[in-house]
Amino acid sequence: MTTVTLTSKGQLTIPRQLREALGLATGARLQASIDGQGRLVLVPAKYEPEELFRHRPPVQRAMGLADMDRAIAAAAGREDP
């Protein structure tokens, strides 16, 4: 097991052997959590949320709120006039 030190700025330096084993390079992002035993868990973040939707076409609003309300009412069986 490797020991890391927390700096006065709250930063950790991940030793080279661990960075290389995980394929981490400068600017890599990690997801951090605390497990059930109170341990800090760092996992390489594979995707940024905005990357997942980068190639999605822009949303075109085909209905207004009143149209949506009517569609919901109709689907629920209580169609508004």
PDB file of N, CA and C in Angstrom:
ATOM      1  N   MET A   1       0.852  -1.170   0.000  1.00  0.00           N
ATOM      2  CA  MET A   1       0.000   0.000   0.000  1.00  0.00           C
ATOM      3  C   MET A   1       0.897   1.232   0.000  1.00  0.00           C
ATOM      4  N   THR A   2       0.485   2.251  -0.740  1.00  0.00           N
ATOM      5  CA  THR A   2       1.254   3.484  -0.853  1.00  0.00           C
ATOM      6  C   THR A   2       0.609   4.563  -0.002  1.00  0.00           C
ATOM      7  N   THR A   3       1.417   5.374   0.639  1.00  0.00           N
ATOM      8  CA  THR A   3       0.918   6.475   1.457  1.00  0.00           C
ATOM      9  C   THR A   3       1.028   7.773   0.675  1.00  0.00           C
ATOM     10  N   VAL A   4      -0.005   8.593   0.749  1.00  0.00           N
ATOM     11  CA  VAL A   4       0.026   9.923   0.150  1.00  0.00           C
ATOM     12  C   VAL A   4      -0.150  10.933   1.273  1.00  0.00           C
ATOM     13  N   THR A   5       0.293  12.161   1.024  1.00  0.00           N
ATOM     14  CA  THR A   5       0.237  13.203   2.042  1.00  0.00           C
ATOM     15  C   THR A   5      -0.697  14.308   1.588  1.00  0.00           C
ATOM     16  N   LEU A   6      -1.507  14.794   2.497  1.00  0.00           N
ATOM     17  CA  LEU A   6      -2.417  15.895   2.237  1.00  0.00           C
ATOM     18  C   LEU A   6      -1.672  17.202   2.502  1.00  0.00           C
ATOM     19  N   THR A   7      -1.687  18.112   1.514  1.00  0.00           N
ATOM     20  CA  THR A   7      -1.001  19.394   1.685  1.00  0.00           C
ATOM     21  C   THR A   7      -1.886  20.371   2.456  1.00  0.00           C
ATOM     22  N   SER A   8      -1.308  21.513   2.819  1.00  0.00           N
ATOM     23  CA  SER A   8      -2.076  22.537   3.532  1.00  0.00           C
ATOM     24  C   SER A   8      -3.197  23.109   2.663  1.00  0.00           C
ATOM     25  N   LYS A   9      -3.096  22.921   1.349  1.00  0.00           N
ATOM     26  CA  LYS A   9      -4.144  23.382   0.432  1.00  0.00           C
ATOM     27  C   LYS A   9      -5.190  22.298   0.171  1.00  0.00           C
ATOM     28  N   GLY A  10      -5.078  21.165   0.845  1.00  0.00           N
ATOM     29  CA  GLY A  10      -6.037  20.079   0.674  1.00  0.00           C
ATOM     30  C   GLY A  10      -5.791  19.237  -0.566  1.00  0.00           C
ATOM     31  N   GLN A  11      -4.588  19.264  -1.087  1.00  0.00           N
ATOM     32  CA  GLN A  11      -4.254  18.525  -2.301  1.00  0.00           C
ATOM     33  C   GLN A  11      -3.501  17.243  -1.976  1.00  0.00           C
ATOM     34  N   LEU A  12      -3.714  16.237  -2.840  1.00  0.00           N
ATOM     35  CA  LEU A  12      -2.989  14.975  -2.731  1.00  0.00           C
ATOM     36  C   LEU A  12      -2.129  14.806  -3.968  1.00  0.00           C
ATOM     37  N   THR A  13      -0.951  14.246  -3.802  1.00  0.00           N
ATOM     38  CA  THR A  13      -0.135  13.872  -4.947  1.00  0.00           C
ATOM     39  C   THR A  13      -0.214  12.363  -5.066  1.00  0.00           C
ATOM     40  N   ILE A  14      -0.649  11.910  -6.230  1.00  0.00           N
ATOM     41  CA  ILE A  14      -0.743  10.467  -6.469  1.00  0.00           C
ATOM     42  C   ILE A  14       0.609  10.011  -7.018  1.00  0.00           C
ATOM     43  N   PRO A  15       1.256   9.059  -6.356  1.00  0.00           N
ATOM     44  CA  PRO A  15       2.579   8.603  -6.798  1.00  0.00           C
ATOM     45  C   PRO A  15       2.567   8.087  -8.237  1.00  0.00           C
ATOM     46  N   ARG A  16       3.694   8.257  -8.912  1.00  0.00           N
ATOM     47  CA  ARG A  16       3.819   7.890 -10.323  1.00  0.00           C
ATOM     48  C   ARG A  16       3.382   6.457 -10.604  1.00  0.00           C
ATOM     49  N   GLN A  17       3.801   5.514  -9.765  1.00  0.00           N
ATOM     50  CA  GLN A  17       3.463   4.106 -10.031  1.00  0.00           C
ATOM     51  C   GLN A  17       1.951   3.912 -10.070  1.00  0.00           C
ATOM     52  N   LEU A  18       1.213   4.617  -9.221  1.00  0.00           N
ATOM     53  CA  LEU A  18      -0.243   4.495  -9.224  1.00  0.00           C
ATOM     54  C   LEU A  18      -0.847   5.207 -10.434  1.00  0.00           C
ATOM     55  N   ARG A  19      -0.327   6.386 -10.769  1.00  0.00           N
ATOM     56  CA  ARG A  19      -0.821   7.115 -11.951  1.00  0.00           C
ATOM     57  C   ARG A  19      -0.632   6.290 -13.206  1.00  0.00           C
ATOM     58  N   GLU A  20       0.547   5.690 -13.332  1.00  0.00           N
ATOM     59  CA  GLU A  20       0.819   4.874 -14.515  1.00  0.00           C
ATOM     60  C   GLU A  20      -0.067   3.645 -14.565  1.00  0.00           C
ATOM     61  N   ALA A  21      -0.279   2.998 -13.420  1.00  0.00           N
ATOM     62  CA  ALA A  21      -1.129   1.799 -13.384  1.00  0.00           C
ATOM     63  C   ALA A  21      -2.572   2.114 -13.780  1.00  0.00           C
ATOM     64  N   LEU A  22      -3.027   3.331 -13.442  1.00  0.00           N
ATOM     65  CA  LEU A  22      -4.405   3.732 -13.763  1.00  0.00           C
ATOM     66  C   LEU A  22      -4.517   4.478 -15.087  1.00  0.00           C
ATOM     67  N   GLY A  23      -3.378   4.775 -15.707  1.00  0.00           N
ATOM     68  CA  GLY A  23      -3.401   5.511 -16.964  1.00  0.00           C
ATOM     69  C   GLY A  23      -3.796   6.964 -16.789  1.00  0.00           C
ATOM     70  N   LEU A  24      -3.422   7.559 -15.658  1.00  0.00           N
ATOM     71  CA  LEU A  24      -3.778   8.948 -15.377  1.00  0.00           C
ATOM     72  C   LEU A  24      -2.699   9.885 -15.913  1.00  0.00           C
ATOM     73  N   ALA A  25      -3.123  10.950 -16.555  1.00  0.00           N
ATOM     74  CA  ALA A  25      -2.213  11.969 -17.060  1.00  0.00           C
ATOM     75  C   ALA A  25      -2.623  13.307 -16.455  1.00  0.00           C
ATOM     76  N   THR A  26      -1.801  14.317 -16.679  1.00  0.00           N
ATOM     77  CA  THR A  26      -2.108  15.654 -16.179  1.00  0.00           C
ATOM     78  C   THR A  26      -3.506  16.070 -16.626  1.00  0.00           C
ATOM     79  N   GLY A  27      -4.290  16.577 -15.705  1.00  0.00           N
ATOM     80  CA  GLY A  27      -5.646  17.018 -16.009  1.00  0.00           C
ATOM     81  C   GLY A  27      -6.695  15.926 -15.874  1.00  0.00           C
ATOM     82  N   ALA A  28      -6.274  14.697 -15.583  1.00  0.00           N
ATOM     83  CA  ALA A  28      -7.235  13.600 -15.413  1.00  0.00           C
ATOM     84  C   ALA A  28      -8.178  13.926 -14.261  1.00  0.00           C
ATOM     85  N   ARG A  29      -9.413  13.493 -14.395  1.00  0.00           N
ATOM     86  CA  ARG A  29     -10.400  13.724 -13.347  1.00  0.00           C
ATOM     87  C   ARG A  29     -10.689  12.410 -12.627  1.00  0.00           C
ATOM     88  N   LEU A  30     -10.924  12.532 -11.323  1.00  0.00           N
ATOM     89  CA  LEU A  30     -11.248  11.373 -10.499  1.00  0.00           C
ATOM     90  C   LEU A  30     -12.577  11.617  -9.792  1.00  0.00           C
ATOM     91  N   GLN A  31     -13.358  10.569  -9.660  1.00  0.00           N
ATOM     92  CA  GLN A  31     -14.571  10.653  -8.864  1.00  0.00           C
ATOM     93  C   GLN A  31     -14.208  10.211  -7.458  1.00  0.00           C
ATOM     94  N   ALA A  32     -14.632  10.989  -6.461  1.00  0.00           N
ATOM     95  CA  ALA A  32     -14.286  10.696  -5.074  1.00  0.00           C
ATOM     96  C   ALA A  32     -15.540  10.365  -4.284  1.00  0.00           C
ATOM     97  N   SER A  33     -15.435   9.377  -3.413  1.00  0.00           N
ATOM     98  CA  SER A  33     -16.550   9.030  -2.531  1.00  0.00           C
ATOM     99  C   SER A  33     -15.975   8.425  -1.250  1.00  0.00           C
ATOM    100  N   ILE A  34     -16.836   8.226  -0.281  1.00  0.00           N
ATOM    101  CA  ILE A  34     -16.452   7.586   0.976  1.00  0.00           C
ATOM    102  C   ILE A  34     -17.263   6.307   1.074  1.00  0.00           C
ATOM    103  N   ASP A  35     -16.590   5.186   1.257  1.00  0.00           N
ATOM    104  CA  ASP A  35     -17.303   3.913   1.322  1.00  0.00           C
ATOM    105  C   ASP A  35     -17.887   3.674   2.710  1.00  0.00           C
ATOM    106  N   GLY A  36     -18.527   2.570   2.902  1.00  0.00           N
ATOM    107  CA  GLY A  36     -19.208   2.229   4.151  1.00  0.00           C
ATOM    108  C   GLY A  36     -18.285   2.082   5.343  1.00  0.00           C
ATOM    109  N   GLN A  37     -17.000   1.937   5.088  1.00  0.00           N
ATOM    110  CA  GLN A  37     -16.024   1.799   6.179  1.00  0.00           C
ATOM    111  C   GLN A  37     -15.263   3.094   6.423  1.00  0.00           C
ATOM    112  N   GLY A  38     -15.741   4.207   5.818  1.00  0.00           N
ATOM    113  CA  GLY A  38     -15.112   5.499   6.030  1.00  0.00           C
ATOM    114  C   GLY A  38     -13.828   5.715   5.244  1.00  0.00           C
ATOM    115  N   ARG A  39     -13.609   4.920   4.195  1.00  0.00           N
ATOM    116  CA  ARG A  39     -12.405   5.059   3.387  1.00  0.00           C
ATOM    117  C   ARG A  39     -12.671   5.961   2.184  1.00  0.00           C
ATOM    118  N   LEU A  40     -11.698   6.765   1.835  1.00  0.00           N
ATOM    119  CA  LEU A  40     -11.762   7.584   0.639  1.00  0.00           C
ATOM    120  C   LEU A  40     -11.529   6.688  -0.563  1.00  0.00           C
ATOM    121  N   VAL A  41     -12.416   6.759  -1.534  1.00  0.00           N
ATOM    122  CA  VAL A  41     -12.299   5.955  -2.750  1.00  0.00           C
ATOM    123  C   VAL A  41     -12.179   6.919  -3.927  1.00  0.00           C
ATOM    124  N   LEU A  42     -11.122   6.776  -4.710  1.00  0.00           N
ATOM    125  CA  LEU A  42     -10.916   7.583  -5.908  1.00  0.00           C
ATOM    126  C   LEU A  42     -10.985   6.661  -7.122  1.00  0.00           C
ATOM    127  N   VAL A  43     -11.807   7.034  -8.086  1.00  0.00           N
ATOM    128  CA  VAL A  43     -11.993   6.233  -9.291  1.00  0.00           C
ATOM    129  C   VAL A  43     -11.835   7.149 -10.494  1.00  0.00           C
ATOM    130  N   PRO A  44     -11.052   6.749 -11.501  1.00  0.00           N
ATOM    131  CA  PRO A  44     -10.938   7.595 -12.686  1.00  0.00           C
ATOM    132  C   PRO A  44     -12.320   7.857 -13.280  1.00  0.00           C
ATOM    133  N   ALA A  45     -12.597   9.120 -13.556  1.00  0.00           N
ATOM    134  CA  ALA A  45     -13.872   9.495 -14.178  1.00  0.00           C
ATOM    135  C   ALA A  45     -13.748   9.218 -15.666  1.00  0.00           C
ATOM    136  N   LYS A  46     -14.581   8.347 -16.183  1.00  0.00           N
ATOM    137  CA  LYS A  46     -14.499   7.977 -17.592  1.00  0.00           C
ATOM    138  C   LYS A  46     -15.114   9.044 -18.484  1.00  0.00           C
ATOM    139  N   TYR A  47     -16.185   9.672 -18.010  1.00  0.00           N
ATOM    140  CA  TYR A  47     -16.895  10.648 -18.826  1.00  0.00           C
ATOM    141  C   TYR A  47     -17.284  11.853 -17.992  1.00  0.00           C
ATOM    142  N   GLU A  48     -17.283  12.993 -18.612  1.00  0.00           N
ATOM    143  CA  GLU A  48     -17.856  14.196 -18.018  1.00  0.00           C
ATOM    144  C   GLU A  48     -19.303  14.241 -18.489  1.00  0.00           C
ATOM    145  N   PRO A  49     -20.242  14.663 -17.643  1.00  0.00           N
ATOM    146  CA  PRO A  49     -21.650  14.668 -18.059  1.00  0.00           C
ATOM    147  C   PRO A  49     -21.893  15.378 -19.385  1.00  0.00           C
ATOM    148  N   GLU A  50     -21.238  16.520 -19.599  1.00  0.00           N
ATOM    149  CA  GLU A  50     -21.480  17.246 -20.848  1.00  0.00           C
ATOM    150  C   GLU A  50     -20.971  16.479 -22.066  1.00  0.00           C
ATOM    151  N   GLU A  51     -19.976  15.610 -21.881  1.00  0.00           N
ATOM    152  CA  GLU A  51     -19.465  14.810 -22.996  1.00  0.00           C
ATOM    153  C   GLU A  51     -20.495  13.796 -23.473  1.00  0.00           C
ATOM    154  N   LEU A  52     -21.322  13.306 -22.562  1.00  0.00           N
ATOM    155  CA  LEU A  52     -22.323  12.305 -22.931  1.00  0.00           C
ATOM    156  C   LEU A  52     -23.360  12.862 -23.893  1.00  0.00           C
ATOM    157  N   PHE A  53     -23.594  14.169 -23.845  1.00  0.00           N
ATOM    158  CA  PHE A  53     -24.634  14.778 -24.660  1.00  0.00           C
ATOM    159  C   PHE A  53     -24.084  15.700 -25.736  1.00  0.00           C
ATOM    160  N   ARG A  54     -22.789  15.698 -25.927  1.00  0.00           N
ATOM    161  CA  ARG A  54     -22.153  16.621 -26.865  1.00  0.00           C
ATOM    162  C   ARG A  54     -22.702  16.488 -28.287  1.00  0.00           C
ATOM    163  N   HIS A  55     -22.953  15.284 -28.768  1.00  0.00           N
ATOM    164  CA  HIS A  55     -23.375  15.068 -30.155  1.00  0.00           C
ATOM    165  C   HIS A  55     -24.886  14.946 -30.308  1.00  0.00           C
ATOM    166  N   ARG A  56     -25.606  15.195 -29.248  1.00  0.00           N
ATOM    167  CA  ARG A  56     -27.062  15.121 -29.303  1.00  0.00           C
ATOM    168  C   ARG A  56     -27.596  16.386 -29.986  1.00  0.00           C
ATOM    169  N   PRO A  57     -28.567  16.230 -30.882  1.00  0.00           N
ATOM    170  CA  PRO A  57     -29.114  17.425 -31.534  1.00  0.00           C
ATOM    171  C   PRO A  57     -29.841  18.309 -30.527  1.00  0.00           C
ATOM    172  N   PRO A  58     -29.922  19.606 -30.802  1.00  0.00           N
ATOM    173  CA  PRO A  58     -30.621  20.493 -29.876  1.00  0.00           C
ATOM    174  C   PRO A  58     -32.090  20.114 -29.756  1.00  0.00           C
ATOM    175  N   VAL A  59     -32.633  20.327 -28.580  1.00  0.00           N
ATOM    176  CA  VAL A  59     -34.040  19.992 -28.322  1.00  0.00           C
ATOM    177  C   VAL A  59     -34.924  21.044 -28.974  1.00  0.00           C
ATOM    178  N   GLN A  60     -35.890  20.577 -29.731  1.00  0.00           N
ATOM    179  CA  GLN A  60     -36.875  21.462 -30.352  1.00  0.00           C
ATOM    180  C   GLN A  60     -38.196  21.253 -29.613  1.00  0.00           C
ATOM    181  N   ARG A  61     -38.718  22.296 -29.040  1.00  0.00           N
ATOM    182  CA  ARG A  61     -39.974  22.201 -28.306  1.00  0.00           C
ATOM    183  C   ARG A  61     -41.127  22.192 -29.300  1.00  0.00           C
ATOM    184  N   ALA A  62     -41.774  21.059 -29.426  1.00  0.00           N
ATOM    185  CA  ALA A  62     -42.895  20.916 -30.361  1.00  0.00           C
ATOM    186  C   ALA A  62     -44.212  21.308 -29.708  1.00  0.00           C
ATOM    187  N   MET A  63     -44.261  21.353 -28.392  1.00  0.00           N
ATOM    188  CA  MET A  63     -45.486  21.657 -27.659  1.00  0.00           C
ATOM    189  C   MET A  63     -45.210  22.704 -26.603  1.00  0.00           C
ATOM    190  N   GLY A  64     -46.234  23.460 -26.314  1.00  0.00           N
ATOM    191  CA  GLY A  64     -46.170  24.375 -25.189  1.00  0.00           C
ATOM    192  C   GLY A  64     -46.710  23.676 -23.955  1.00  0.00           C
ATOM    193  N   LEU A  65     -46.688  24.361 -22.821  1.00  0.00           N
ATOM    194  CA  LEU A  65     -47.187  23.769 -21.575  1.00  0.00           C
ATOM    195  C   LEU A  65     -48.665  23.423 -21.664  1.00  0.00           C
ATOM    196  N   ALA A  66     -49.470  24.278 -22.277  1.00  0.00           N
ATOM    197  CA  ALA A  66     -50.910  23.990 -22.400  1.00  0.00           C
ATOM    198  C   ALA A  66     -51.128  22.725 -23.220  1.00  0.00           C
ATOM    199  N   ASP A  67     -50.354  22.541 -24.299  1.00  0.00           N
ATOM    200  CA  ASP A  67     -50.458  21.323 -25.112  1.00  0.00           C
ATOM    201  C   ASP A  67     -50.068  20.096 -24.299  1.00  0.00           C
ATOM    202  N   MET A  68     -49.023  20.223 -23.481  1.00  0.00           N
ATOM    203  CA  MET A  68     -48.599  19.103 -22.639  1.00  0.00           C
ATOM    204  C   MET A  68     -49.665  18.758 -21.607  1.00  0.00           C
ATOM    205  N   ASP A  69     -50.270  19.776 -21.002  1.00  0.00           N
ATOM    206  CA  ASP A  69     -51.334  19.530 -20.025  1.00  0.00           C
ATOM    207  C   ASP A  69     -52.492  18.787 -20.672  1.00  0.00           C
ATOM    208  N   ARG A  70     -52.867  19.193 -21.889  1.00  0.00           N
ATOM    209  CA  ARG A  70     -53.970  18.509 -22.591  1.00  0.00           C
ATOM    210  C   ARG A  70     -53.599  17.064 -22.904  1.00  0.00           C
ATOM    211  N   ALA A  71     -52.364  16.826 -23.338  1.00  0.00           N
ATOM    212  CA  ALA A  71     -51.935  15.465 -23.662  1.00  0.00           C
ATOM    213  C   ALA A  71     -51.931  14.579 -22.421  1.00  0.00           C
ATOM    214  N   ILE A  72     -51.484  15.129 -21.299  1.00  0.00           N
ATOM    215  CA  ILE A  72     -51.468  14.363 -20.046  1.00  0.00           C
ATOM    216  C   ILE A  72     -52.895  14.062 -19.608  1.00  0.00           C
ATOM    217  N   ALA A  73     -53.775  15.037 -19.674  1.00  0.00           N
ATOM    218  CA  ALA A  73     -55.174  14.828 -19.297  1.00  0.00           C
ATOM    219  C   ALA A  73     -55.827  13.796 -20.188  1.00  0.00           C
ATOM    220  N   ALA A  74     -55.546  13.854 -21.492  1.00  0.00           N
ATOM    221  CA  ALA A  74     -56.130  12.895 -22.425  1.00  0.00           C
ATOM    222  C   ALA A  74     -55.633  11.482 -22.119  1.00  0.00           C
ATOM    223  N   ALA A  75     -54.345  11.348 -21.824  1.00  0.00           N
ATOM    224  CA  ALA A  75     -53.782  10.025 -21.523  1.00  0.00           C
ATOM    225  C   ALA A  75     -54.334   9.476 -20.225  1.00  0.00           C
ATOM    226  N   ALA A  76     -54.681  10.366 -19.295  1.00  0.00           N
ATOM    227  CA  ALA A  76     -55.231   9.935 -18.013  1.00  0.00           C
ATOM    228  C   ALA A  76     -56.727   9.669 -18.104  1.00  0.00           C
ATOM    229  N   GLY A  77     -57.316   9.923 -19.285  1.00  0.00           N
ATOM    230  CA  GLY A  77     -58.728   9.636 -19.487  1.00  0.00           C
ATOM    231  C   GLY A  77     -59.663  10.739 -19.043  1.00  0.00           C
ATOM    232  N   ARG A  78     -59.164  11.924 -18.803  1.00  0.00           N
ATOM    233  CA  ARG A  78     -60.019  13.032 -18.421  1.00  0.00           C
ATOM    234  C   ARG A  78     -59.714  14.233 -19.309  1.00  0.00           C
ATOM    235  N   GLU A  79     -60.013  14.056 -20.552  1.00  0.00           N
ATOM    236  CA  GLU A  79     -59.698  15.052 -21.564  1.00  0.00           C
ATOM    237  C   GLU A  79     -60.382  16.378 -21.292  1.00  0.00           C
ATOM    238  N   ASP A  80     -59.610  17.465 -21.349  1.00  0.00           N
ATOM    239  CA  ASP A  80     -60.160  18.810 -21.190  1.00  0.00           C
ATOM    240  C   ASP A  80     -60.724  19.279 -22.540  1.00  0.00           C
ATOM    241  N   PRO A  81     -61.747  20.083 -22.494  1.00  0.00           N
ATOM    242  CA  PRO A  81     -62.323  20.581 -23.760  1.00  0.00           C
ATOM    243  C   PRO A  81     -61.389  21.516 -24.468  1.00  0.00           C
TER     244      PRO A  81
END
